[in-house]
Amino acid sequence: MNNHFRTLGAALILIGVVIAISFFFEPLKEAFSWYWLLPVPLQIGFGIAGIGLAIVIISLLFERWSDREADRSLRDEH
């Protein structure tokens, strides 16, 4: 479980870096300025939804990764 949280933290850091870098591109910069014009409850809601989306995607990747290891072990048995 601890390994999952560590990977989740690393993925969220990576997502944050990508978002920070995307600020330097003009169309995405306009989207960020639109985000700050929203009311605070909507900003919080979108932020929590983004974190939830990241957690779901990461959990799906972990599930696929574990299935891949199981498939490899089955292939090696025969």
PDB file of N, CA and C in Angstrom:
ATOM      1  N   MET A   1       0.818  -1.193   0.000  1.00  0.00           N
ATOM      2  CA  MET A   1       0.000   0.000   0.000  1.00  0.00           C
ATOM      3  C   MET A   1       0.863   1.257   0.000  1.00  0.00           C
ATOM      4  N   ASN A   2       1.937   1.218   0.756  1.00  0.00           N
ATOM      5  CA  ASN A   2       2.821   2.371   0.820  1.00  0.00           C
ATOM      6  C   ASN A   2       3.432   2.659  -0.552  1.00  0.00           C
ATOM      7  N   ASN A   3       3.741   1.600  -1.274  1.00  0.00           N
ATOM      8  CA  ASN A   3       4.311   1.768  -2.605  1.00  0.00           C
ATOM      9  C   ASN A   3       3.312   2.467  -3.531  1.00  0.00           C
ATOM     10  N   HIS A   4       2.028   2.172  -3.368  1.00  0.00           N
ATOM     11  CA  HIS A   4       1.012   2.815  -4.191  1.00  0.00           C
ATOM     12  C   HIS A   4       0.939   4.315  -3.902  1.00  0.00           C
ATOM     13  N   PHE A   5       1.004   4.673  -2.635  1.00  0.00           N
ATOM     14  CA  PHE A   5       0.963   6.092  -2.291  1.00  0.00           C
ATOM     15  C   PHE A   5       2.205   6.817  -2.797  1.00  0.00           C
ATOM     16  N   ARG A   6       3.338   6.162  -2.751  1.00  0.00           N
ATOM     17  CA  ARG A   6       4.567   6.771  -3.249  1.00  0.00           C
ATOM     18  C   ARG A   6       4.458   7.020  -4.749  1.00  0.00           C
ATOM     19  N   THR A   7       3.934   6.046  -5.461  1.00  0.00           N
ATOM     20  CA  THR A   7       3.771   6.205  -6.901  1.00  0.00           C
ATOM     21  C   THR A   7       2.711   7.255  -7.216  1.00  0.00           C
ATOM     22  N   LEU A   8       1.642   7.274  -6.435  1.00  0.00           N
ATOM     23  CA  LEU A   8       0.611   8.298  -6.620  1.00  0.00           C
ATOM     24  C   LEU A   8       1.211   9.686  -6.417  1.00  0.00           C
ATOM     25  N   GLY A   9       2.021   9.841  -5.394  1.00  0.00           N
ATOM     26  CA  GLY A   9       2.676  11.124  -5.160  1.00  0.00           C
ATOM     27  C   GLY A   9       3.574  11.532  -6.311  1.00  0.00           C
ATOM     28  N   ALA A  10       4.337  10.574  -6.826  1.00  0.00           N
ATOM     29  CA  ALA A  10       5.221  10.870  -7.958  1.00  0.00           C
ATOM     30  C   ALA A  10       4.415  11.242  -9.192  1.00  0.00           C
ATOM     31  N   ALA A  11       3.304  10.553  -9.412  1.00  0.00           N
ATOM     32  CA  ALA A  11       2.473  10.868 -10.574  1.00  0.00           C
ATOM     33  C   ALA A  11       1.846  12.246 -10.440  1.00  0.00           C
ATOM     34  N   LEU A  12       1.399  12.597  -9.238  1.00  0.00           N
ATOM     35  CA  LEU A  12       0.819  13.922  -9.040  1.00  0.00           C
ATOM     36  C   LEU A  12       1.866  15.019  -9.221  1.00  0.00           C
ATOM     37  N   ILE A  13       3.088  14.742  -8.796  1.00  0.00           N
ATOM     38  CA  ILE A  13       4.171  15.702  -9.027  1.00  0.00           C
ATOM     39  C   ILE A  13       4.399  15.876 -10.522  1.00  0.00           C
ATOM     40  N   LEU A  14       4.413  14.758 -11.250  1.00  0.00           N
ATOM     41  CA  LEU A  14       4.599  14.812 -12.697  1.00  0.00           C
ATOM     42  C   LEU A  14       3.463  15.588 -13.365  1.00  0.00           C
ATOM     43  N   ILE A  15       2.229  15.341 -12.939  1.00  0.00           N
ATOM     44  CA  ILE A  15       1.092  16.070 -13.492  1.00  0.00           C
ATOM     45  C   ILE A  15       1.231  17.558 -13.201  1.00  0.00           C
ATOM     46  N   GLY A  16       1.651  17.900 -11.990  1.00  0.00           N
ATOM     47  CA  GLY A  16       1.855  19.302 -11.634  1.00  0.00           C
ATOM     48  C   GLY A  16       2.915  19.973 -12.488  1.00  0.00           C
ATOM     49  N   VAL A  17       3.994  19.261 -12.754  1.00  0.00           N
ATOM     50  CA  VAL A  17       5.061  19.814 -13.587  1.00  0.00           C
ATOM     51  C   VAL A  17       4.568  20.027 -15.014  1.00  0.00           C
ATOM     52  N   VAL A  18       3.816  19.064 -15.536  1.00  0.00           N
ATOM     53  CA  VAL A  18       3.274  19.210 -16.892  1.00  0.00           C
ATOM     54  C   VAL A  18       2.330  20.408 -16.964  1.00  0.00           C
ATOM     55  N   ILE A  19       1.498  20.579 -15.954  1.00  0.00           N
ATOM     56  CA  ILE A  19       0.580  21.718 -15.935  1.00  0.00           C
ATOM     57  C   ILE A  19       1.355  23.031 -15.832  1.00  0.00           C
ATOM     58  N   ALA A  20       2.390  23.037 -15.003  1.00  0.00           N
ATOM     59  CA  ALA A  20       3.191  24.255 -14.865  1.00  0.00           C
ATOM     60  C   ALA A  20       3.902  24.601 -16.173  1.00  0.00           C
ATOM     61  N   ILE A  21       4.418  23.606 -16.863  1.00  0.00           N
ATOM     62  CA  ILE A  21       5.096  23.856 -18.143  1.00  0.00           C
ATOM     63  C   ILE A  21       4.091  24.306 -19.197  1.00  0.00           C
ATOM     64  N   SER A  22       2.875  23.716 -19.161  1.00  0.00           N
ATOM     65  CA  SER A  22       1.879  24.076 -20.169  1.00  0.00           C
ATOM     66  C   SER A  22       1.429  25.531 -20.028  1.00  0.00           C
ATOM     67  N   PHE A  23       1.709  26.163 -18.907  1.00  0.00           N
ATOM     68  CA  PHE A  23       1.342  27.567 -18.704  1.00  0.00           C
ATOM     69  C   PHE A  23       2.067  28.476 -19.693  1.00  0.00           C
ATOM     70  N   PHE A  24       3.173  28.021 -20.223  1.00  0.00           N
ATOM     71  CA  PHE A  24       3.954  28.851 -21.133  1.00  0.00           C
ATOM     72  C   PHE A  24       3.425  28.818 -22.566  1.00  0.00           C
ATOM     73  N   PHE A  25       2.435  27.980 -22.848  1.00  0.00           N
ATOM     74  CA  PHE A  25       1.818  27.940 -24.171  1.00  0.00           C
ATOM     75  C   PHE A  25       0.546  28.780 -24.132  1.00  0.00           C
ATOM     76  N   GLU A  26       0.396  29.676 -25.085  1.00  0.00           N
ATOM     77  CA  GLU A  26      -0.649  30.699 -25.046  1.00  0.00           C
ATOM     78  C   GLU A  26      -2.076  30.151 -24.932  1.00  0.00           C
ATOM     79  N   PRO A  27      -2.511  29.157 -25.717  1.00  0.00           N
ATOM     80  CA  PRO A  27      -3.905  28.695 -25.562  1.00  0.00           C
ATOM     81  C   PRO A  27      -4.175  28.111 -24.170  1.00  0.00           C
ATOM     82  N   LEU A  28      -3.218  27.397 -23.624  1.00  0.00           N
ATOM     83  CA  LEU A  28      -3.405  26.831 -22.290  1.00  0.00           C
ATOM     84  C   LEU A  28      -3.335  27.909 -21.218  1.00  0.00           C
ATOM     85  N   LYS A  29      -2.578  28.946 -21.487  1.00  0.00           N
ATOM     86  CA  LYS A  29      -2.492  30.062 -20.538  1.00  0.00           C
ATOM     87  C   LYS A  29      -3.855  30.738 -20.396  1.00  0.00           C
ATOM     88  N   GLU A  30      -4.587  30.838 -21.504  1.00  0.00           N
ATOM     89  CA  GLU A  30      -5.923  31.417 -21.453  1.00  0.00           C
ATOM     90  C   GLU A  30      -6.872  30.528 -20.654  1.00  0.00           C
ATOM     91  N   ALA A  31      -6.721  29.202 -20.760  1.00  0.00           N
ATOM     92  CA  ALA A  31      -7.573  28.296 -19.993  1.00  0.00           C
ATOM     93  C   ALA A  31      -7.323  28.463 -18.495  1.00  0.00           C
ATOM     94  N   PHE A  32      -6.065  28.680 -18.114  1.00  0.00           N
ATOM     95  CA  PHE A  32      -5.764  28.883 -16.694  1.00  0.00           C
ATOM     96  C   PHE A  32      -6.341  30.194 -16.195  1.00  0.00           C
ATOM     97  N   SER A  33      -6.291  31.243 -17.016  1.00  0.00           N
ATOM     98  CA  SER A  33      -6.877  32.511 -16.583  1.00  0.00           C
ATOM     99  C   SER A  33      -8.395  32.382 -16.460  1.00  0.00           C
ATOM    100  N   TRP A  34      -9.029  31.574 -17.308  1.00  0.00           N
ATOM    101  CA  TRP A  34     -10.457  31.309 -17.193  1.00  0.00           C
ATOM    102  C   TRP A  34     -10.761  30.579 -15.889  1.00  0.00           C
ATOM    103  N   TYR A  35      -9.894  29.644 -15.526  1.00  0.00           N
ATOM    104  CA  TYR A  35     -10.083  28.875 -14.296  1.00  0.00           C
ATOM    105  C   TYR A  35     -10.083  29.792 -13.072  1.00  0.00           C
ATOM    106  N   TRP A  36      -9.199  30.761 -13.034  1.00  0.00           N
ATOM    107  CA  TRP A  36      -9.123  31.653 -11.870  1.00  0.00           C
ATOM    108  C   TRP A  36     -10.296  32.618 -11.790  1.00  0.00           C
ATOM    109  N   LEU A  37     -11.043  32.790 -12.874  1.00  0.00           N
ATOM    110  CA  LEU A  37     -12.229  33.645 -12.845  1.00  0.00           C
ATOM    111  C   LEU A  37     -13.449  32.923 -12.277  1.00  0.00           C
ATOM    112  N   LEU A  38     -13.386  31.595 -12.165  1.00  0.00           N
ATOM    113  CA  LEU A  38     -14.505  30.825 -11.613  1.00  0.00           C
ATOM    114  C   LEU A  38     -14.653  31.087 -10.119  1.00  0.00           C
ATOM    115  N   PRO A  39     -15.843  30.879  -9.586  1.00  0.00           N
ATOM    116  CA  PRO A  39     -16.013  30.989  -8.130  1.00  0.00           C
ATOM    117  C   PRO A  39     -15.170  29.933  -7.403  1.00  0.00           C
ATOM    118  N   VAL A  40     -14.782  30.235  -6.177  1.00  0.00           N
ATOM    119  CA  VAL A  40     -13.895  29.365  -5.409  1.00  0.00           C
ATOM    120  C   VAL A  40     -14.449  27.940  -5.253  1.00  0.00           C
ATOM    121  N   PRO A  41     -15.754  27.740  -4.983  1.00  0.00           N
ATOM    122  CA  PRO A  41     -16.239  26.359  -4.871  1.00  0.00           C
ATOM    123  C   PRO A  41     -16.035  25.549  -6.153  1.00  0.00           C
ATOM    124  N   LEU A  42     -16.189  26.194  -7.312  1.00  0.00           N
ATOM    125  CA  LEU A  42     -15.943  25.485  -8.567  1.00  0.00           C
ATOM    126  C   LEU A  42     -14.460  25.172  -8.742  1.00  0.00           C
ATOM    127  N   GLN A  43     -13.590  26.077  -8.348  1.00  0.00           N
ATOM    128  CA  GLN A  43     -12.154  25.812  -8.422  1.00  0.00           C
ATOM    129  C   GLN A  43     -11.794  24.610  -7.562  1.00  0.00           C
ATOM    130  N   ILE A  44     -12.327  24.572  -6.346  1.00  0.00           N
ATOM    131  CA  ILE A  44     -12.046  23.456  -5.446  1.00  0.00           C
ATOM    132  C   ILE A  44     -12.615  22.164  -6.027  1.00  0.00           C
ATOM    133  N   GLY A  45     -13.823  22.237  -6.555  1.00  0.00           N
ATOM    134  CA  GLY A  45     -14.451  21.051  -7.145  1.00  0.00           C
ATOM    135  C   GLY A  45     -13.654  20.502  -8.315  1.00  0.00           C
ATOM    136  N   PHE A  46     -13.230  21.374  -9.217  1.00  0.00           N
ATOM    137  CA  PHE A  46     -12.423  20.928 -10.349  1.00  0.00           C
ATOM    138  C   PHE A  46     -11.076  20.376  -9.897  1.00  0.00           C
ATOM    139  N   GLY A  47     -10.502  20.993  -8.873  1.00  0.00           N
ATOM    140  CA  GLY A  47      -9.225  20.503  -8.349  1.00  0.00           C
ATOM    141  C   GLY A  47      -9.349  19.114  -7.756  1.00  0.00           C
ATOM    142  N   ILE A  48     -10.388  18.903  -6.962  1.00  0.00           N
ATOM    143  CA  ILE A  48     -10.602  17.586  -6.359  1.00  0.00           C
ATOM    144  C   ILE A  48     -10.936  16.559  -7.438  1.00  0.00           C
ATOM    145  N   ALA A  49     -11.733  16.952  -8.425  1.00  0.00           N
ATOM    146  CA  ALA A  49     -12.057  16.037  -9.518  1.00  0.00           C
ATOM    147  C   ALA A  49     -10.798  15.658 -10.299  1.00  0.00           C
ATOM    148  N   GLY A  50      -9.893  16.611 -10.496  1.00  0.00           N
ATOM    149  CA  GLY A  50      -8.636  16.310 -11.189  1.00  0.00           C
ATOM    150  C   GLY A  50      -7.767  15.336 -10.403  1.00  0.00           C
ATOM    151  N   ILE A  51      -7.708  15.528  -9.102  1.00  0.00           N
ATOM    152  CA  ILE A  51      -6.945  14.602  -8.258  1.00  0.00           C
ATOM    153  C   ILE A  51      -7.585  13.218  -8.300  1.00  0.00           C
ATOM    154  N   GLY A  52      -8.917  13.167  -8.231  1.00  0.00           N
ATOM    155  CA  GLY A  52      -9.618  11.879  -8.314  1.00  0.00           C
ATOM    156  C   GLY A  52      -9.366  11.193  -9.640  1.00  0.00           C
ATOM    157  N   LEU A  53      -9.374  11.948 -10.723  1.00  0.00           N
ATOM    158  CA  LEU A  53      -9.092  11.381 -12.038  1.00  0.00           C
ATOM    159  C   LEU A  53      -7.684  10.806 -12.096  1.00  0.00           C
ATOM    160  N   ALA A  54      -6.734  11.528 -11.526  1.00  0.00           N
ATOM    161  CA  ALA A  54      -5.354  11.033 -11.497  1.00  0.00           C
ATOM    162  C   ALA A  54      -5.266   9.739 -10.695  1.00  0.00           C
ATOM    163  N   ILE A  55      -5.971   9.657  -9.570  1.00  0.00           N
ATOM    164  CA  ILE A  55      -5.941   8.451  -8.748  1.00  0.00           C
ATOM    165  C   ILE A  55      -6.553   7.275  -9.499  1.00  0.00           C
ATOM    166  N   VAL A  56      -7.672   7.506 -10.191  1.00  0.00           N
ATOM    167  CA  VAL A  56      -8.314   6.424 -10.942  1.00  0.00           C
ATOM    168  C   VAL A  56      -7.404   5.932 -12.063  1.00  0.00           C
ATOM    169  N   ILE A  57      -6.810   6.837 -12.802  1.00  0.00           N
ATOM    170  CA  ILE A  57      -5.929   6.433 -13.901  1.00  0.00           C
ATOM    171  C   ILE A  57      -4.730   5.667 -13.374  1.00  0.00           C
ATOM    172  N   ILE A  58      -4.155   6.133 -12.291  1.00  0.00           N
ATOM    173  CA  ILE A  58      -2.995   5.445 -11.716  1.00  0.00           C
ATOM    174  C   ILE A  58      -3.374   4.066 -11.204  1.00  0.00           C
ATOM    175  N   SER A  59      -4.547   3.948 -10.572  1.00  0.00           N
ATOM    176  CA  SER A  59      -4.966   2.632 -10.087  1.00  0.00           C
ATOM    177  C   SER A  59      -5.211   1.676 -11.246  1.00  0.00           C
ATOM    178  N   LEU A  60      -5.748   2.175 -12.354  1.00  0.00           N
ATOM    179  CA  LEU A  60      -5.935   1.325 -13.529  1.00  0.00           C
ATOM    180  C   LEU A  60      -4.590   0.876 -14.105  1.00  0.00           C
ATOM    181  N   LEU A  61      -3.631   1.778 -14.101  1.00  0.00           N
ATOM    182  CA  LEU A  61      -2.297   1.400 -14.583  1.00  0.00           C
ATOM    183  C   LEU A  61      -1.660   0.355 -13.678  1.00  0.00           C
ATOM    184  N   PHE A  62      -1.821   0.504 -12.365  1.00  0.00           N
ATOM    185  CA  PHE A  62      -1.294  -0.499 -11.434  1.00  0.00           C
ATOM    186  C   PHE A  62      -1.954  -1.852 -11.650  1.00  0.00           C
ATOM    187  N   GLU A  63      -3.269  -1.847 -11.863  1.00  0.00           N
ATOM    188  CA  GLU A  63      -3.982  -3.098 -12.089  1.00  0.00           C
ATOM    189  C   GLU A  63      -3.474  -3.776 -13.364  1.00  0.00           C
ATOM    190  N   ARG A  64      -3.295  -3.001 -14.396  1.00  0.00           N
ATOM    191  CA  ARG A  64      -2.786  -3.562 -15.660  1.00  0.00           C
ATOM    192  C   ARG A  64      -1.364  -4.072 -15.483  1.00  0.00           C
ATOM    193  N   TRP A  65      -0.564  -3.360 -14.721  1.00  0.00           N
ATOM    194  CA  TRP A  65       0.815  -3.776 -14.500  1.00  0.00           C
ATOM    195  C   TRP A  65       0.861  -5.108 -13.764  1.00  0.00           C
ATOM    196  N   SER A  66       0.000  -5.284 -12.748  1.00  0.00           N
ATOM    197  CA  SER A  66      -0.017  -6.554 -12.019  1.00  0.00           C
ATOM    198  C   SER A  66      -0.537  -7.679 -12.906  1.00  0.00           C
ATOM    199  N   ASP A  67      -1.515  -7.398 -13.771  1.00  0.00           N
ATOM    200  CA  ASP A  67      -1.986  -8.412 -14.713  1.00  0.00           C
ATOM    201  C   ASP A  67      -0.880  -8.809 -15.682  1.00  0.00           C
ATOM    202  N   ARG A  68      -0.080  -7.856 -16.051  1.00  0.00           N
ATOM    203  CA  ARG A  68       1.020  -8.129 -16.972  1.00  0.00           C
ATOM    204  C   ARG A  68       2.040  -9.073 -16.336  1.00  0.00           C
ATOM    205  N   GLU A  69       2.332  -8.858 -15.062  1.00  0.00           N
ATOM    206  CA  GLU A  69       3.250  -9.754 -14.352  1.00  0.00           C
ATOM    207  C   GLU A  69       2.663 -11.158 -14.249  1.00  0.00           C
ATOM    208  N   ALA A  70       1.353 -11.261 -14.004  1.00  0.00           N
ATOM    209  CA  ALA A  70       0.712 -12.577 -13.921  1.00  0.00           C
ATOM    210  C   ALA A  70       0.737 -13.269 -15.275  1.00  0.00           C
ATOM    211  N   ASP A  71       0.504 -12.529 -16.346  1.00  0.00           N
ATOM    212  CA  ASP A  71       0.564 -13.112 -17.681  1.00  0.00           C
ATOM    213  C   ASP A  71       1.962 -13.614 -18.001  1.00  0.00           C
ATOM    214  N   ARG A  72       2.967 -12.880 -17.595  1.00  0.00           N
ATOM    215  CA  ARG A  72       4.346 -13.275 -17.848  1.00  0.00           C
ATOM    216  C   ARG A  72       4.686 -14.559 -17.091  1.00  0.00           C
ATOM    217  N   SER A  73       4.212 -14.651 -15.840  1.00  0.00           N
ATOM    218  CA  SER A  73       4.506 -15.864 -15.074  1.00  0.00           C
ATOM    219  C   SER A  73       3.794 -17.074 -15.660  1.00  0.00           C
ATOM    220  N   LEU A  74       2.576 -16.891 -16.187  1.00  0.00           N
ATOM    221  CA  LEU A  74       1.883 -18.003 -16.827  1.00  0.00           C
ATOM    222  C   LEU A  74       2.604 -18.446 -18.091  1.00  0.00           C
ATOM    223  N   ARG A  75       3.121 -17.506 -18.842  1.00  0.00           N
ATOM    224  CA  ARG A  75       3.831 -17.843 -20.064  1.00  0.00           C
ATOM    225  C   ARG A  75       5.114 -18.600 -19.758  1.00  0.00           C
ATOM    226  N   ASP A  76       5.794 -18.224 -18.678  1.00  0.00           N
ATOM    227  CA  ASP A  76       7.052 -18.866 -18.335  1.00  0.00           C
ATOM    228  C   ASP A  76       6.854 -20.275 -17.785  1.00  0.00           C
ATOM    229  N   GLU A  77       5.655 -20.579 -17.261  1.00  0.00           N
ATOM    230  CA  GLU A  77       5.398 -21.928 -16.722  1.00  0.00           C
ATOM    231  C   GLU A  77       5.330 -22.979 -17.816  1.00  0.00           C
ATOM    232  N   HIS A  78       4.890 -22.630 -18.987  1.00  0.00           N
ATOM    233  CA  HIS A  78       4.719 -23.628 -20.040  1.00  0.00           C
ATOM    234  C   HIS A  78       5.921 -23.752 -20.860  1.00  0.00           C
TER     235      HIS A  78
END
